[in-house]
Amino acid sequence: MEALHDPFRHEGNPVTHALVAAMLVVSVPTMFWGRLNHVFGGIGEMRYPWQVFSSAFEHGWPGFPLPVHLVLNLALMFTAAVMAERLLGSARFLALSLLAICCYWLTRQILFPLQANGSSVFIWSYAPILLAAVLQTRRAGGPFGEAYRQATGLLFVMWVVVTVALSVFLALGGVDPVSAVLYGNAFHLSGTVAGFLGVALWRGHVLNRLRKGAFPQSGWDRTAAKAGFAIPLLFGILLVGAAIGWI
């Protein structure tokens, strides 16, 4: 079904690009100026009210290097996020990303003092959108094409490979196996819940775009594309504030 091939192209993904820009604005300077961990990060004492939001764009934690974490999440942004934005449209995609960050905040409150950095808290919300597309393609029959294989592979990586790897990583660090699975993947689970809420709200919209093989941007989508770039701009202002000593 060739309609699934188009969402993997990188054209028409302005909110994905805005979120990637925010990840880079927050994470790259932290590699060279560790104090930013206490300005943007979500591990340790949280001094500023924006840190629950900014920690979703910060990367790295004790025992897991920031560059590795960032590169892995960027890879998912340019695969899973690209397809999800094409399937949803930019407005719904931005709404889903923000919903996932809200679910992350709520999970932190429930599981306090569980802490984290990383964009996987919203990247995991895109997996159910991919699942809806994969299931629709299977039902349609015919040749599935490269997009079907990539989407299926991404779901396996996100829901199986990463889940097992994180659980093993924590278990080797001395965490009991049950806690390693539950707490090591708690924020991925919160993102996934947000994603299934998105499927419940917008499944018909996604399937309609798949059937047509067309992924137009509406007026709301164009507005969301502009609004999305307020996120890296905000972090840039905070970065300047930290550099000149206001923060």
Protein backbone atom coordinates (compact mmCIF):
# COMPACT_ATOMS: atom_id res chain seq x y z
CA MET A 1 0.00 0.00 0.00
CA GLU A 2 2.00 2.97 -1.28
CA ALA A 3 0.06 5.53 0.78
CA LEU A 4 2.20 4.61 3.78
CA HIS A 5 5.45 5.47 2.02
CA ASP A 6 4.85 9.22 1.90
CA PRO A 7 4.82 9.93 5.68
CA PHE A 8 8.47 8.92 5.95
CA ARG A 9 9.62 11.77 3.74
CA HIS A 10 11.06 14.68 5.70
CA GLU A 11 9.14 17.44 3.90
CA GLY A 12 6.27 19.01 5.80
CA ASN A 13 7.44 18.24 9.33
CA PRO A 14 7.82 21.69 10.91
CA VAL A 15 6.85 20.70 14.46
CA THR A 16 9.26 17.75 14.39
CA HIS A 17 11.98 20.18 13.37
CA ALA A 18 10.97 22.59 16.16
CA LEU A 19 11.14 19.83 18.77
CA VAL A 20 14.52 18.71 17.43
CA ALA A 21 15.75 22.32 17.63
CA ALA A 22 14.57 22.47 21.26
CA MET A 23 16.41 19.24 22.06
CA LEU A 24 19.61 20.66 20.57
CA VAL A 25 19.27 24.09 22.25
CA VAL A 26 18.90 22.43 25.65
CA SER A 27 21.20 19.42 25.37
CA VAL A 28 24.20 20.49 23.30
CA PRO A 29 25.24 23.41 25.58
CA THR A 30 24.90 21.10 28.59
CA MET A 31 27.70 18.93 27.16
CA PHE A 32 30.08 21.86 27.68
CA TRP A 33 28.50 23.62 30.66
CA GLY A 34 27.36 21.18 33.31
CA ARG A 35 25.58 23.88 35.31
CA LEU A 36 22.77 23.73 32.77
CA ASN A 37 21.78 20.37 34.25
CA HIS A 38 20.44 22.43 37.16
CA VAL A 39 18.71 24.90 34.82
CA PHE A 40 17.04 22.50 32.37
CA GLY A 41 17.38 19.00 33.82
CA GLY A 42 14.96 16.87 35.81
CA ILE A 43 17.42 14.95 37.98
CA GLY A 44 18.30 16.18 41.45
CA GLU A 45 16.92 19.36 43.02
CA MET A 46 14.59 21.23 40.69
CA ARG A 47 15.08 24.94 41.33
CA TYR A 48 12.92 26.40 38.57
CA PRO A 49 9.27 25.82 37.63
CA TRP A 50 10.06 25.19 33.94
CA GLN A 51 12.34 22.22 34.65
CA VAL A 52 9.57 19.61 34.44
CA PHE A 53 8.97 20.84 30.87
CA SER A 54 12.61 21.45 29.90
CA SER A 55 13.77 18.09 31.29
CA ALA A 56 11.81 16.50 28.43
CA PHE A 57 14.39 18.09 26.11
CA GLU A 58 17.48 17.59 28.28
CA HIS A 59 19.40 14.32 27.93
CA GLY A 60 21.70 12.06 29.88
CA TRP A 61 21.61 10.84 33.43
CA PRO A 62 24.18 9.31 35.83
CA GLY A 63 25.68 6.29 34.08
CA PHE A 64 24.23 7.13 30.65
CA PRO A 65 26.14 9.72 28.58
CA LEU A 66 24.25 12.71 27.24
CA PRO A 67 25.58 12.43 23.63
CA VAL A 68 24.49 8.79 23.31
CA HIS A 69 21.04 9.49 24.75
CA LEU A 70 20.59 12.53 22.50
CA VAL A 71 21.65 10.71 19.31
CA LEU A 72 19.31 7.79 20.01
CA ASN A 73 16.35 10.13 20.53
CA LEU A 74 17.23 12.18 17.46
CA ALA A 75 17.17 8.97 15.42
CA LEU A 76 13.63 8.31 16.65
CA MET A 77 12.59 11.89 15.93
CA PHE A 78 13.66 11.57 12.29
CA THR A 79 11.77 8.30 11.90
CA ALA A 80 8.82 7.86 14.28
CA ALA A 81 8.12 11.58 14.74
CA VAL A 82 8.36 12.33 11.02
CA MET A 83 5.76 9.71 10.19
CA ALA A 84 3.49 10.63 13.12
CA GLU A 85 3.40 14.31 12.13
CA ARG A 86 2.57 13.42 8.54
CA LEU A 87 -0.21 11.10 9.68
CA LEU A 88 -1.70 13.52 12.22
CA GLY A 89 -0.95 16.90 10.71
CA SER A 90 1.16 19.44 12.58
CA ALA A 91 -1.59 20.75 14.88
CA ARG A 92 -2.62 17.36 16.24
CA PHE A 93 1.04 16.29 16.39
CA LEU A 94 1.95 19.29 18.55
CA ALA A 95 -1.11 18.70 20.75
CA LEU A 96 -0.11 15.04 21.19
CA SER A 97 3.48 15.98 22.10
CA LEU A 98 2.29 18.47 24.72
CA LEU A 99 -0.25 15.96 26.06
CA ALA A 100 2.56 13.43 26.50
CA ILE A 101 4.63 15.98 28.43
CA CYS A 102 1.61 16.60 30.68
CA CYS A 103 1.32 12.84 31.27
CA TYR A 104 5.05 12.83 32.09
CA TRP A 105 4.50 15.60 34.65
CA LEU A 106 1.58 13.70 36.20
CA THR A 107 3.62 10.49 36.36
CA ARG A 108 6.43 12.34 38.13
CA GLN A 109 3.97 13.57 40.76
CA ILE A 110 2.57 10.08 41.32
CA LEU A 111 5.93 8.31 41.39
CA PHE A 112 7.93 11.02 43.21
CA PRO A 113 10.92 11.01 43.64
CA LEU A 114 11.34 9.18 40.31
CA GLN A 115 13.27 11.54 38.04
CA ALA A 116 14.32 11.61 34.40
CA ASN A 117 15.69 13.50 31.43
CA GLY A 118 14.93 12.79 27.81
CA SER A 119 12.59 13.33 24.89
CA SER A 120 11.42 9.73 24.96
CA VAL A 121 8.67 10.96 27.31
CA PHE A 122 6.92 12.38 24.23
CA ILE A 123 8.55 10.27 21.49
CA TRP A 124 6.81 7.18 22.89
CA SER A 125 3.44 8.83 22.30
CA TYR A 126 4.03 8.47 18.55
CA ALA A 127 4.24 4.67 18.67
CA PRO A 128 0.45 4.07 18.93
CA ILE A 129 -0.05 6.34 15.91
CA LEU A 130 2.37 4.13 13.96
CA LEU A 131 0.55 1.06 15.23
CA ALA A 132 -2.77 2.39 13.92
CA ALA A 133 -1.16 2.93 10.51
CA VAL A 134 0.43 -0.54 10.47
CA LEU A 135 -2.84 -2.27 11.41
CA GLN A 136 -4.74 -0.35 8.73
CA THR A 137 -2.12 -1.35 6.15
CA ARG A 138 -2.37 -5.01 7.15
CA ARG A 139 -6.15 -4.92 6.81
CA ALA A 140 -5.89 -3.27 3.40
CA GLY A 141 -3.71 -6.10 2.06
CA GLY A 142 -1.47 -5.81 -0.97
CA PRO A 143 2.23 -4.89 -1.03
CA PHE A 144 3.18 -3.19 2.22
CA GLY A 145 6.31 -1.43 1.01
CA GLU A 146 9.26 0.05 2.85
CA ALA A 147 7.15 2.27 5.12
CA TYR A 148 5.31 -0.73 6.57
CA ARG A 149 8.59 -2.49 7.35
CA GLN A 150 10.10 0.61 8.94
CA ALA A 151 7.04 1.29 11.07
CA THR A 152 6.91 -2.32 12.26
CA GLY A 153 10.63 -2.25 13.03
CA LEU A 154 10.30 0.98 14.99
CA LEU A 155 7.52 -0.46 17.12
CA PHE A 156 9.66 -3.51 17.89
CA VAL A 157 12.64 -1.34 18.83
CA MET A 158 10.62 1.02 21.02
CA TRP A 159 8.38 -1.45 22.78
CA VAL A 160 10.68 -4.48 23.01
CA VAL A 161 14.36 -3.67 22.51
CA VAL A 162 14.44 -0.43 24.53
CA THR A 163 12.18 -1.82 27.26
CA VAL A 164 14.40 -4.85 27.78
CA ALA A 165 17.63 -2.84 27.52
CA LEU A 166 16.55 -0.29 30.13
CA SER A 167 15.33 -3.01 32.49
CA VAL A 168 18.60 -4.92 32.20
CA PHE A 169 20.63 -1.72 32.62
CA LEU A 170 18.88 -0.90 35.90
CA ALA A 171 18.96 -4.50 37.13
CA LEU A 172 22.72 -4.63 36.58
CA GLY A 173 22.95 -1.45 38.66
CA GLY A 174 21.41 -3.22 41.62
CA VAL A 175 17.70 -2.50 41.16
CA ASP A 176 15.43 -5.49 41.75
CA PRO A 177 14.04 -6.90 38.46
CA VAL A 178 10.39 -5.89 39.01
CA SER A 179 11.30 -2.30 39.91
CA ALA A 180 13.75 -2.20 37.01
CA VAL A 181 10.96 -2.97 34.54
CA LEU A 182 8.33 -0.74 36.14
CA TYR A 183 10.38 2.32 37.03
CA GLY A 184 12.85 2.04 34.17
CA ASN A 185 10.00 2.34 31.68
CA ALA A 186 7.48 4.42 33.63
CA PHE A 187 7.85 7.54 31.48
CA HIS A 188 7.78 5.51 28.26
CA LEU A 189 4.52 4.05 29.51
CA SER A 190 3.10 7.52 30.25
CA GLY A 191 3.97 8.58 26.70
CA THR A 192 2.37 5.45 25.28
CA VAL A 193 -0.83 6.14 27.24
CA ALA A 194 -0.90 9.64 25.73
CA GLY A 195 -0.44 8.07 22.29
CA PHE A 196 -3.39 5.75 22.72
CA LEU A 197 -5.49 8.71 23.83
CA GLY A 198 -4.44 10.35 20.57
CA VAL A 199 -5.49 7.26 18.62
CA ALA A 200 -8.87 7.27 20.38
CA LEU A 201 -9.40 10.92 19.42
CA TRP A 202 -7.94 10.96 15.90
CA ARG A 203 -7.95 7.41 14.53
CA GLY A 204 -10.55 8.27 11.88
CA HIS A 205 -8.51 11.30 10.80
CA VAL A 206 -5.33 9.19 10.47
CA LEU A 207 -7.03 6.41 8.53
CA ASN A 208 -8.70 8.89 6.21
CA ARG A 209 -5.34 10.43 5.35
CA LEU A 210 -3.89 6.96 4.80
CA ARG A 211 -6.72 5.92 2.49
CA LYS A 212 -6.36 9.08 0.42
CA GLY A 213 -2.57 8.88 0.39
CA ALA A 214 -2.57 12.66 0.93
CA PHE A 215 -1.15 14.58 3.87
CA PRO A 216 -2.16 18.25 3.46
CA GLN A 217 -1.46 20.98 6.02
CA SER A 218 -4.54 22.91 7.16
CA GLY A 219 -4.64 26.44 8.51
CA TRP A 220 -4.43 25.05 12.05
CA ASP A 221 -1.40 23.00 11.02
CA ARG A 222 0.37 26.08 9.69
CA THR A 223 -0.39 27.92 12.93
CA ALA A 224 0.97 25.00 14.97
CA ALA A 225 4.12 25.00 12.85
CA LYS A 226 4.79 28.59 13.88
CA ALA A 227 3.80 27.99 17.50
CA GLY A 228 6.13 25.00 17.75
CA PHE A 229 9.18 27.16 17.23
CA ALA A 230 8.26 29.12 20.38
CA ILE A 231 9.64 26.12 22.33
CA PRO A 232 13.30 26.34 21.19
CA LEU A 233 13.02 30.16 21.32
CA LEU A 234 11.94 29.99 24.97
CA PHE A 235 14.84 27.68 25.81
CA GLY A 236 17.21 29.97 23.93
CA ILE A 237 16.09 32.90 26.09
CA LEU A 238 16.63 30.82 29.24
CA LEU A 239 20.06 29.80 27.95
CA VAL A 240 21.05 33.45 27.45
CA GLY A 241 19.68 34.24 30.91
CA ALA A 242 21.88 31.53 32.43
CA ALA A 243 24.92 32.76 30.46
CA ILE A 244 24.62 36.34 31.69
CA GLY A 245 23.79 35.36 35.27
CA TRP A 246 20.08 36.17 35.44
CA ILE A 247 19.31 32.54 36.30
